[in-house]
N, C-alpha and C. Protein backbone atom coordinates (compact mmCIF):
# COMPACT_ATOMS: atom_id res chain seq x y z
N MET A 1 3.69 145.83 -26.93
CA MET A 1 2.85 146.33 -25.88
C MET A 1 1.38 146.37 -26.32
N LYS A 2 1.15 146.81 -27.58
CA LYS A 2 -0.23 146.85 -28.06
C LYS A 2 -0.84 145.45 -28.07
N TYR A 3 -0.04 144.47 -28.41
CA TYR A 3 -0.50 143.10 -28.48
C TYR A 3 -0.94 142.62 -27.09
N ILE A 4 -0.20 142.93 -26.06
CA ILE A 4 -0.52 142.52 -24.70
C ILE A 4 -1.78 143.23 -24.21
N SER A 5 -1.93 144.52 -24.49
CA SER A 5 -3.12 145.25 -24.04
C SER A 5 -4.37 144.75 -24.76
N ARG A 6 -4.26 144.44 -26.06
CA ARG A 6 -5.41 143.90 -26.79
C ARG A 6 -5.79 142.52 -26.25
N LEU A 7 -4.80 141.71 -25.97
CA LEU A 7 -5.05 140.38 -25.41
C LEU A 7 -5.73 140.50 -24.05
N PHE A 8 -5.29 141.47 -23.25
CA PHE A 8 -5.90 141.70 -21.94
C PHE A 8 -7.37 142.13 -22.09
N VAL A 9 -7.66 143.03 -23.03
CA VAL A 9 -9.03 143.50 -23.27
C VAL A 9 -9.90 142.34 -23.73
N ILE A 10 -9.43 141.53 -24.65
CA ILE A 10 -10.21 140.39 -25.14
C ILE A 10 -10.46 139.39 -24.02
N ALA A 11 -9.45 139.10 -23.23
CA ALA A 11 -9.61 138.17 -22.12
C ALA A 11 -10.60 138.72 -21.09
N SER A 12 -10.54 140.02 -20.83
CA SER A 12 -11.48 140.64 -19.88
C SER A 12 -12.91 140.56 -20.39
N LEU A 13 -13.11 140.87 -21.67
CA LEU A 13 -14.46 140.79 -22.24
C LEU A 13 -14.99 139.36 -22.22
N ALA A 14 -14.13 138.40 -22.53
CA ALA A 14 -14.54 136.99 -22.48
C ALA A 14 -14.96 136.61 -21.06
N ALA A 15 -14.23 137.07 -20.07
CA ALA A 15 -14.57 136.77 -18.67
C ALA A 15 -15.89 137.41 -18.28
N VAL A 16 -16.12 138.65 -18.71
CA VAL A 16 -17.37 139.34 -18.39
C VAL A 16 -18.56 138.63 -19.02
N PHE A 17 -18.47 138.29 -20.28
CA PHE A 17 -19.61 137.66 -20.97
C PHE A 17 -19.90 136.25 -20.45
N THR A 18 -18.90 135.50 -20.12
CA THR A 18 -19.16 134.15 -19.60
C THR A 18 -19.55 134.20 -18.14
N GLY A 19 -19.17 135.22 -17.41
CA GLY A 19 -19.53 135.34 -16.00
C GLY A 19 -20.95 135.83 -15.79
N CYS A 20 -21.59 136.34 -16.80
CA CYS A 20 -22.92 136.90 -16.67
C CYS A 20 -24.01 135.96 -17.18
N MET A 21 -23.68 134.72 -17.41
CA MET A 21 -24.69 133.79 -17.91
C MET A 21 -25.67 133.44 -16.79
N LYS A 22 -26.95 133.42 -17.11
CA LYS A 22 -27.98 133.10 -16.15
C LYS A 22 -28.04 131.58 -15.96
N GLU A 23 -28.04 131.17 -14.71
CA GLU A 23 -28.16 129.75 -14.43
C GLU A 23 -29.65 129.44 -14.27
N GLU A 24 -30.18 128.59 -15.12
CA GLU A 24 -31.61 128.29 -15.13
C GLU A 24 -32.06 127.47 -13.93
N ASP A 25 -31.18 126.62 -13.40
CA ASP A 25 -31.58 125.74 -12.31
C ASP A 25 -31.53 126.41 -10.95
N SER A 26 -30.90 127.54 -10.84
CA SER A 26 -30.74 128.17 -9.55
C SER A 26 -31.13 129.63 -9.65
N ILE A 27 -32.38 129.93 -9.25
CA ILE A 27 -32.89 131.29 -9.29
C ILE A 27 -33.38 131.63 -7.88
N PRO A 28 -32.47 131.97 -6.97
CA PRO A 28 -32.85 132.11 -5.57
C PRO A 28 -33.71 133.32 -5.24
N LEU A 29 -33.74 134.34 -6.07
CA LEU A 29 -34.46 135.56 -5.70
C LEU A 29 -35.83 135.69 -6.37
N GLN A 30 -36.31 134.64 -7.00
CA GLN A 30 -37.62 134.69 -7.63
C GLN A 30 -38.61 133.85 -6.83
N ASP A 31 -39.88 134.28 -6.82
CA ASP A 31 -40.92 133.47 -6.20
C ASP A 31 -41.07 132.17 -6.97
N THR A 32 -41.26 131.10 -6.26
CA THR A 32 -41.61 129.85 -6.91
C THR A 32 -43.09 129.65 -6.66
N ARG A 33 -43.82 129.59 -7.71
CA ARG A 33 -45.27 129.47 -7.61
C ARG A 33 -45.70 128.12 -8.16
N PRO A 34 -46.70 127.52 -7.52
CA PRO A 34 -47.14 126.21 -8.00
C PRO A 34 -47.86 126.32 -9.34
N ASP A 35 -47.90 125.21 -10.05
CA ASP A 35 -48.64 125.17 -11.31
C ASP A 35 -50.12 125.41 -11.09
N VAL A 36 -50.62 124.94 -9.95
CA VAL A 36 -52.04 125.07 -9.62
C VAL A 36 -52.16 125.96 -8.38
N PRO A 37 -52.62 127.19 -8.53
CA PRO A 37 -52.77 128.07 -7.37
C PRO A 37 -53.99 127.70 -6.53
N VAL A 38 -53.87 127.85 -5.23
CA VAL A 38 -54.98 127.61 -4.31
C VAL A 38 -55.38 128.95 -3.73
N THR A 39 -56.66 129.27 -3.85
CA THR A 39 -57.17 130.53 -3.30
C THR A 39 -58.21 130.25 -2.22
N VAL A 40 -58.49 131.26 -1.41
CA VAL A 40 -59.53 131.15 -0.38
C VAL A 40 -60.78 131.80 -0.97
N ALA A 41 -61.73 130.96 -1.36
CA ALA A 41 -62.92 131.43 -2.07
C ALA A 41 -63.79 132.35 -1.22
N ASN A 42 -63.81 132.14 0.08
CA ASN A 42 -64.67 132.95 0.94
C ASN A 42 -63.90 133.99 1.76
N ALA A 43 -62.71 134.38 1.29
CA ALA A 43 -61.95 135.42 1.99
C ALA A 43 -62.72 136.73 1.93
N THR A 44 -62.76 137.42 3.05
CA THR A 44 -63.47 138.70 3.11
C THR A 44 -62.50 139.87 3.24
N ASP A 45 -61.29 139.57 3.66
CA ASP A 45 -60.27 140.60 3.86
C ASP A 45 -58.93 140.03 3.43
N PHE A 46 -57.98 140.92 3.22
CA PHE A 46 -56.61 140.52 2.95
C PHE A 46 -55.73 141.34 3.88
N ARG A 47 -55.20 140.67 4.94
CA ARG A 47 -54.57 141.37 6.07
C ARG A 47 -53.15 140.92 6.33
N PRO A 48 -52.19 140.85 5.56
CA PRO A 48 -52.11 141.03 4.12
C PRO A 48 -52.53 139.79 3.36
N GLY A 49 -52.52 138.62 3.99
CA GLY A 49 -52.99 137.40 3.32
C GLY A 49 -54.48 137.27 3.48
N PRO A 50 -55.06 136.20 2.94
CA PRO A 50 -56.51 136.03 3.02
C PRO A 50 -56.99 135.86 4.46
N ALA A 51 -58.15 136.41 4.73
CA ALA A 51 -58.77 136.28 6.05
C ALA A 51 -60.26 136.01 5.89
N VAL A 52 -60.78 135.21 6.80
CA VAL A 52 -62.22 134.99 6.87
C VAL A 52 -62.69 135.58 8.19
N ARG A 53 -63.98 135.75 8.31
CA ARG A 53 -64.54 136.36 9.52
C ARG A 53 -65.37 135.36 10.30
N THR A 54 -65.40 135.58 11.61
CA THR A 54 -66.29 134.84 12.48
C THR A 54 -66.89 135.81 13.48
N SER A 55 -68.00 135.44 14.06
CA SER A 55 -68.68 136.30 15.01
C SER A 55 -68.88 135.56 16.32
N LYS A 56 -68.44 136.17 17.42
CA LYS A 56 -68.66 135.56 18.73
C LYS A 56 -70.15 135.47 19.02
N ALA A 57 -70.90 136.51 18.67
CA ALA A 57 -72.34 136.54 18.94
C ALA A 57 -73.09 135.45 18.16
N ALA A 58 -72.58 135.07 17.00
CA ALA A 58 -73.24 134.06 16.17
C ALA A 58 -72.71 132.66 16.44
N GLY A 59 -71.91 132.48 17.49
CA GLY A 59 -71.46 131.15 17.85
C GLY A 59 -70.02 130.83 17.50
N GLY A 60 -69.36 131.70 16.78
CA GLY A 60 -67.96 131.51 16.49
C GLY A 60 -67.61 130.47 15.44
N ALA A 61 -68.53 130.20 14.52
CA ALA A 61 -68.24 129.24 13.45
C ALA A 61 -67.17 129.80 12.51
N ILE A 62 -66.22 128.95 12.14
CA ILE A 62 -65.15 129.33 11.21
C ILE A 62 -65.23 128.39 10.02
N SER A 63 -65.32 128.96 8.83
CA SER A 63 -65.38 128.17 7.61
C SER A 63 -64.38 128.74 6.60
N ILE A 64 -63.51 127.87 6.09
CA ILE A 64 -62.51 128.29 5.12
C ILE A 64 -62.64 127.38 3.90
N THR A 65 -62.98 127.98 2.75
CA THR A 65 -63.14 127.22 1.52
C THR A 65 -61.96 127.47 0.60
N LEU A 66 -61.20 126.41 0.33
CA LEU A 66 -60.06 126.49 -0.58
C LEU A 66 -60.51 126.06 -1.96
N GLU A 67 -59.97 126.72 -2.99
CA GLU A 67 -60.42 126.48 -4.35
C GLU A 67 -59.24 126.53 -5.32
N ILE A 68 -59.32 125.71 -6.37
CA ILE A 68 -58.34 125.76 -7.45
C ILE A 68 -59.07 126.16 -8.73
N PRO A 69 -58.37 126.70 -9.72
CA PRO A 69 -59.02 127.17 -10.95
C PRO A 69 -59.64 126.03 -11.77
N ALA A 70 -60.71 126.35 -12.46
CA ALA A 70 -61.40 125.37 -13.31
C ALA A 70 -60.51 124.90 -14.45
N ASN A 71 -59.64 125.76 -14.95
CA ASN A 71 -58.82 125.39 -16.10
C ASN A 71 -57.52 124.69 -15.70
N SER A 72 -57.37 124.30 -14.45
CA SER A 72 -56.14 123.65 -13.99
C SER A 72 -56.04 122.20 -14.44
N GLY A 73 -57.19 121.60 -14.75
CA GLY A 73 -57.20 120.19 -15.11
C GLY A 73 -57.05 119.26 -13.93
N ARG A 74 -57.08 119.78 -12.74
CA ARG A 74 -56.90 118.99 -11.52
C ARG A 74 -58.13 119.11 -10.63
N THR A 75 -58.23 118.23 -9.65
CA THR A 75 -59.24 118.34 -8.60
C THR A 75 -58.53 118.21 -7.26
N ILE A 76 -59.20 118.65 -6.22
CA ILE A 76 -58.65 118.54 -4.87
C ILE A 76 -59.07 117.21 -4.29
N LYS A 77 -58.09 116.39 -3.96
CA LYS A 77 -58.37 115.11 -3.32
C LYS A 77 -58.75 115.35 -1.86
N GLU A 78 -57.90 116.15 -1.15
CA GLU A 78 -58.15 116.34 0.28
C GLU A 78 -57.28 117.46 0.85
N ILE A 79 -57.71 117.92 2.01
CA ILE A 79 -56.81 118.69 2.87
C ILE A 79 -56.17 117.62 3.75
N THR A 80 -54.91 117.40 3.53
CA THR A 80 -54.21 116.34 4.24
C THR A 80 -53.91 116.74 5.68
N LYS A 81 -53.54 118.01 5.86
CA LYS A 81 -53.20 118.47 7.20
C LYS A 81 -53.60 119.92 7.37
N VAL A 82 -54.08 120.24 8.57
CA VAL A 82 -54.37 121.61 8.98
C VAL A 82 -53.57 121.86 10.25
N VAL A 83 -52.94 123.02 10.33
CA VAL A 83 -52.19 123.40 11.52
C VAL A 83 -52.56 124.84 11.87
N ALA A 84 -52.78 125.10 13.15
CA ALA A 84 -52.96 126.47 13.63
C ALA A 84 -51.62 126.88 14.22
N SER A 85 -50.96 127.85 13.58
CA SER A 85 -49.60 128.17 13.98
C SER A 85 -49.25 129.61 13.58
N THR A 86 -48.03 129.99 13.89
CA THR A 86 -47.52 131.29 13.49
C THR A 86 -46.51 131.15 12.36
N SER A 87 -46.31 129.90 11.88
CA SER A 87 -45.27 129.66 10.89
C SER A 87 -45.63 128.51 9.95
N TYR A 88 -45.18 128.63 8.69
CA TYR A 88 -45.37 127.56 7.71
C TYR A 88 -44.65 126.29 8.13
N ALA A 89 -43.59 126.42 8.89
CA ALA A 89 -42.80 125.25 9.28
C ALA A 89 -43.66 124.20 9.98
N ALA A 90 -44.67 124.62 10.69
CA ALA A 90 -45.51 123.67 11.42
C ALA A 90 -46.25 122.73 10.47
N VAL A 91 -46.75 123.23 9.36
CA VAL A 91 -47.47 122.36 8.42
C VAL A 91 -46.50 121.50 7.63
N GLN A 92 -45.29 121.97 7.45
CA GLN A 92 -44.30 121.21 6.71
C GLN A 92 -43.66 120.13 7.57
N ASN A 93 -43.46 120.39 8.84
CA ASN A 93 -42.67 119.49 9.67
C ASN A 93 -43.43 118.82 10.81
N SER A 94 -44.43 119.45 11.32
CA SER A 94 -45.10 118.96 12.52
C SER A 94 -45.95 117.72 12.24
N THR A 95 -45.94 116.81 13.18
CA THR A 95 -46.83 115.66 13.07
C THR A 95 -48.15 115.96 13.76
N ALA A 96 -48.17 116.98 14.60
CA ALA A 96 -49.40 117.36 15.28
C ALA A 96 -50.26 118.20 14.35
N ALA A 97 -51.42 117.70 14.01
CA ALA A 97 -52.30 118.42 13.10
C ALA A 97 -53.57 118.84 13.83
N TYR A 98 -54.18 119.90 13.37
CA TYR A 98 -55.45 120.39 13.92
C TYR A 98 -56.55 119.39 13.60
N ASN A 99 -56.48 118.79 12.41
CA ASN A 99 -57.50 117.83 11.99
C ASN A 99 -57.02 116.41 12.28
N ALA A 100 -57.94 115.56 12.76
CA ALA A 100 -57.58 114.18 13.08
C ALA A 100 -57.48 113.31 11.83
N ALA A 101 -58.24 113.65 10.80
CA ALA A 101 -58.26 112.86 9.56
C ALA A 101 -58.29 113.83 8.38
N PRO A 102 -57.85 113.37 7.20
CA PRO A 102 -57.94 114.23 6.02
C PRO A 102 -59.39 114.67 5.75
N ILE A 103 -59.52 115.85 5.15
CA ILE A 103 -60.84 116.40 4.81
C ILE A 103 -61.01 116.24 3.31
N ALA A 104 -61.98 115.45 2.90
CA ALA A 104 -62.16 115.13 1.48
C ALA A 104 -62.54 116.35 0.66
N GLY A 105 -61.95 116.44 -0.52
CA GLY A 105 -62.26 117.52 -1.46
C GLY A 105 -63.53 117.23 -2.22
N ASN A 106 -64.04 118.27 -2.87
CA ASN A 106 -65.27 118.15 -3.65
C ASN A 106 -65.01 118.80 -5.01
N GLY A 107 -64.30 118.10 -5.88
CA GLY A 107 -63.96 118.69 -7.17
C GLY A 107 -62.87 119.72 -7.03
N ARG A 108 -63.21 120.97 -7.32
CA ARG A 108 -62.22 122.06 -7.27
C ARG A 108 -62.19 122.75 -5.91
N THR A 109 -63.04 122.35 -4.98
CA THR A 109 -63.08 123.02 -3.67
C THR A 109 -62.99 122.01 -2.53
N VAL A 110 -62.64 122.53 -1.40
CA VAL A 110 -62.67 121.77 -0.15
C VAL A 110 -62.89 122.78 0.96
N THR A 111 -63.72 122.42 1.94
CA THR A 111 -64.06 123.35 3.01
C THR A 111 -63.63 122.79 4.36
N PHE A 112 -62.93 123.61 5.11
CA PHE A 112 -62.51 123.30 6.47
C PHE A 112 -63.44 124.06 7.41
N ASN A 113 -64.02 123.35 8.38
CA ASN A 113 -64.92 123.97 9.35
C ASN A 113 -64.43 123.70 10.76
N THR A 114 -64.50 124.73 11.59
CA THR A 114 -64.19 124.60 13.00
C THR A 114 -64.94 125.71 13.73
N THR A 115 -64.67 125.86 15.01
CA THR A 115 -65.31 126.92 15.80
C THR A 115 -64.26 127.58 16.69
N LEU A 116 -64.60 128.74 17.23
CA LEU A 116 -63.70 129.39 18.19
C LEU A 116 -63.49 128.49 19.40
N ALA A 117 -64.56 127.84 19.86
CA ALA A 117 -64.45 126.96 21.02
C ALA A 117 -63.47 125.83 20.75
N GLU A 118 -63.56 125.19 19.58
CA GLU A 118 -62.63 124.11 19.24
C GLU A 118 -61.20 124.64 19.10
N PHE A 119 -61.06 125.83 18.52
CA PHE A 119 -59.74 126.45 18.38
C PHE A 119 -59.06 126.57 19.74
N PHE A 120 -59.78 127.03 20.76
CA PHE A 120 -59.18 127.23 22.08
C PHE A 120 -58.98 125.92 22.83
N VAL A 121 -59.79 124.91 22.55
CA VAL A 121 -59.55 123.59 23.14
C VAL A 121 -58.26 123.01 22.57
N LYS A 122 -58.04 123.19 21.27
CA LYS A 122 -56.85 122.64 20.63
C LYS A 122 -55.61 123.51 20.82
N ASN A 123 -55.81 124.73 21.31
CA ASN A 123 -54.70 125.66 21.58
C ASN A 123 -54.89 126.26 22.98
N PRO A 124 -54.78 125.42 24.02
CA PRO A 124 -55.14 125.87 25.37
C PRO A 124 -54.24 126.96 25.96
N THR A 125 -53.06 127.15 25.41
CA THR A 125 -52.15 128.16 25.98
C THR A 125 -52.40 129.56 25.43
N ILE A 126 -53.27 129.68 24.45
CA ILE A 126 -53.53 130.99 23.84
C ILE A 126 -54.49 131.78 24.72
N THR A 127 -54.13 133.03 24.95
CA THR A 127 -55.00 133.95 25.68
C THR A 127 -55.11 135.22 24.85
N PRO A 128 -56.14 136.01 24.99
CA PRO A 128 -57.27 135.80 25.87
C PRO A 128 -58.31 134.86 25.26
N ASN A 129 -58.99 134.18 26.10
CA ASN A 129 -60.10 133.32 25.70
C ASN A 129 -61.30 133.72 26.54
N PRO A 130 -62.33 134.33 25.97
CA PRO A 130 -62.63 134.50 24.56
C PRO A 130 -61.68 135.52 23.91
N PRO A 131 -61.55 135.40 22.58
CA PRO A 131 -60.60 136.26 21.87
C PRO A 131 -61.05 137.72 21.83
N THR A 132 -60.09 138.58 21.58
CA THR A 132 -60.36 140.00 21.44
C THR A 132 -61.21 140.25 20.20
N SER A 133 -62.21 141.11 20.33
CA SER A 133 -63.05 141.45 19.19
C SER A 133 -62.32 142.37 18.23
N ASN A 134 -62.67 142.28 16.96
CA ASN A 134 -62.10 143.10 15.90
C ASN A 134 -60.58 142.93 15.77
N ALA A 135 -60.13 141.70 15.97
CA ALA A 135 -58.71 141.37 15.83
C ALA A 135 -58.59 139.96 15.26
N ASN A 136 -57.44 139.67 14.66
CA ASN A 136 -57.19 138.32 14.17
C ASN A 136 -56.91 137.37 15.33
N LEU A 137 -57.25 136.10 15.14
CA LEU A 137 -56.80 135.10 16.09
C LEU A 137 -55.27 135.13 16.10
N PRO A 138 -54.64 134.82 17.22
CA PRO A 138 -53.18 134.91 17.29
C PRO A 138 -52.44 133.86 16.47
N ARG A 139 -53.13 132.87 15.97
CA ARG A 139 -52.52 131.87 15.10
C ARG A 139 -53.35 131.77 13.82
N ALA A 140 -52.65 131.61 12.71
CA ALA A 140 -53.31 131.45 11.42
C ALA A 140 -53.45 129.96 11.11
N PHE A 141 -54.31 129.65 10.14
CA PHE A 141 -54.47 128.26 9.70
C PHE A 141 -53.60 128.04 8.47
N TYR A 142 -52.84 126.97 8.51
CA TYR A 142 -51.99 126.54 7.39
C TYR A 142 -52.51 125.19 6.91
N PHE A 143 -52.51 125.01 5.60
CA PHE A 143 -53.09 123.81 5.01
C PHE A 143 -52.08 123.10 4.12
N LEU A 144 -52.12 121.78 4.15
CA LEU A 144 -51.40 120.95 3.20
C LEU A 144 -52.49 120.31 2.34
N VAL A 145 -52.58 120.74 1.08
CA VAL A 145 -53.63 120.30 0.17
C VAL A 145 -53.03 119.28 -0.80
N THR A 146 -53.72 118.16 -0.98
CA THR A 146 -53.27 117.14 -1.92
C THR A 146 -54.23 117.10 -3.10
N LEU A 147 -53.68 117.18 -4.31
CA LEU A 147 -54.49 117.12 -5.54
C LEU A 147 -54.67 115.68 -5.98
N ASP A 148 -55.53 115.49 -6.97
CA ASP A 148 -55.84 114.14 -7.46
C ASP A 148 -54.63 113.42 -8.04
N ASN A 149 -53.60 114.13 -8.45
CA ASN A 149 -52.41 113.50 -9.01
C ASN A 149 -51.32 113.29 -7.95
N GLY A 150 -51.64 113.56 -6.69
CA GLY A 150 -50.69 113.37 -5.60
C GLY A 150 -49.85 114.59 -5.28
N GLN A 151 -49.92 115.63 -6.11
CA GLN A 151 -49.15 116.86 -5.87
C GLN A 151 -49.65 117.50 -4.59
N GLN A 152 -48.72 117.95 -3.74
CA GLN A 152 -49.09 118.60 -2.49
C GLN A 152 -48.74 120.08 -2.54
N LEU A 153 -49.68 120.90 -2.09
CA LEU A 153 -49.53 122.35 -2.12
C LEU A 153 -49.76 122.92 -0.73
N ILE A 154 -49.04 123.99 -0.42
CA ILE A 154 -49.25 124.73 0.83
C ILE A 154 -49.64 126.14 0.43
N PRO A 155 -50.93 126.47 0.50
CA PRO A 155 -51.36 127.83 0.13
C PRO A 155 -50.99 128.85 1.22
N TYR A 156 -51.29 130.12 0.95
CA TYR A 156 -51.05 131.17 1.93
C TYR A 156 -51.78 130.85 3.22
N ALA A 157 -51.22 131.31 4.33
CA ALA A 157 -51.87 131.17 5.63
C ALA A 157 -53.18 131.93 5.62
N VAL A 158 -54.17 131.42 6.34
CA VAL A 158 -55.48 132.07 6.40
C VAL A 158 -55.70 132.56 7.83
N ASN A 159 -55.91 133.88 7.95
CA ASN A 159 -56.22 134.48 9.24
C ASN A 159 -57.71 134.48 9.49
N VAL A 160 -58.08 134.54 10.77
CA VAL A 160 -59.48 134.60 11.15
C VAL A 160 -59.70 135.89 11.92
N LEU A 161 -60.55 136.76 11.37
CA LEU A 161 -60.91 138.02 12.02
C LEU A 161 -62.12 137.77 12.92
N VAL A 162 -61.96 138.05 14.18
CA VAL A 162 -63.03 137.80 15.17
C VAL A 162 -63.82 139.08 15.37
N LEU A 163 -65.12 139.00 15.10
CA LEU A 163 -66.01 140.13 15.32
C LEU A 163 -66.86 139.88 16.56
N ASP A 164 -67.51 140.96 17.06
CA ASP A 164 -68.41 140.81 18.24
C ASP A 164 -69.53 139.85 17.93
C-alpha cells in the first residue's frame, strides 16, 4: 500500500510540474508592443489616449504629429493610411481611407493635417455639424505608419478636442 501511495504522489507531482510550464509562443494575456513605439508629439491631453486640440474660432485646423524615438534606428517612410472611425478594425481592414495618398515622413516624424470642414465632408453622416464645443469629435483618427524597413505600425487612436 505504501508503494502505491508513494507512486501516486510522485506521479501527481510530475503532472503538476510539467503542467505548469510556460509556453513562450503563446502569451494571450500580455500586451504586445512594437519594437518601435509611435507617440503623438503634439498631444495636449490624454482622454485616455492622446488628443490634440482644434479651435472653431481659429478655423478648425487639425494637426497630428507622429514621432518615433531617436534611438530606434528607424525612420518613418510614410503614413500609409488614415481612417476616421470608432474602431481599429477600420484601419486594419477598410479600403476606404481618409487620405487619398500616403503622407511622406520626415525622418523620425510625420504630420497629418486636416480641418473640421474636411472632416465633416468626409464624414457626412456625423452630427452635429458644426461639432459640439469642449468635446471630442465623435470619431478618432487611426493611422497605419510604415517605417523605412517596411514594418507597419498602428499607434493609439488620436482624439480631437474641439474648442470654441
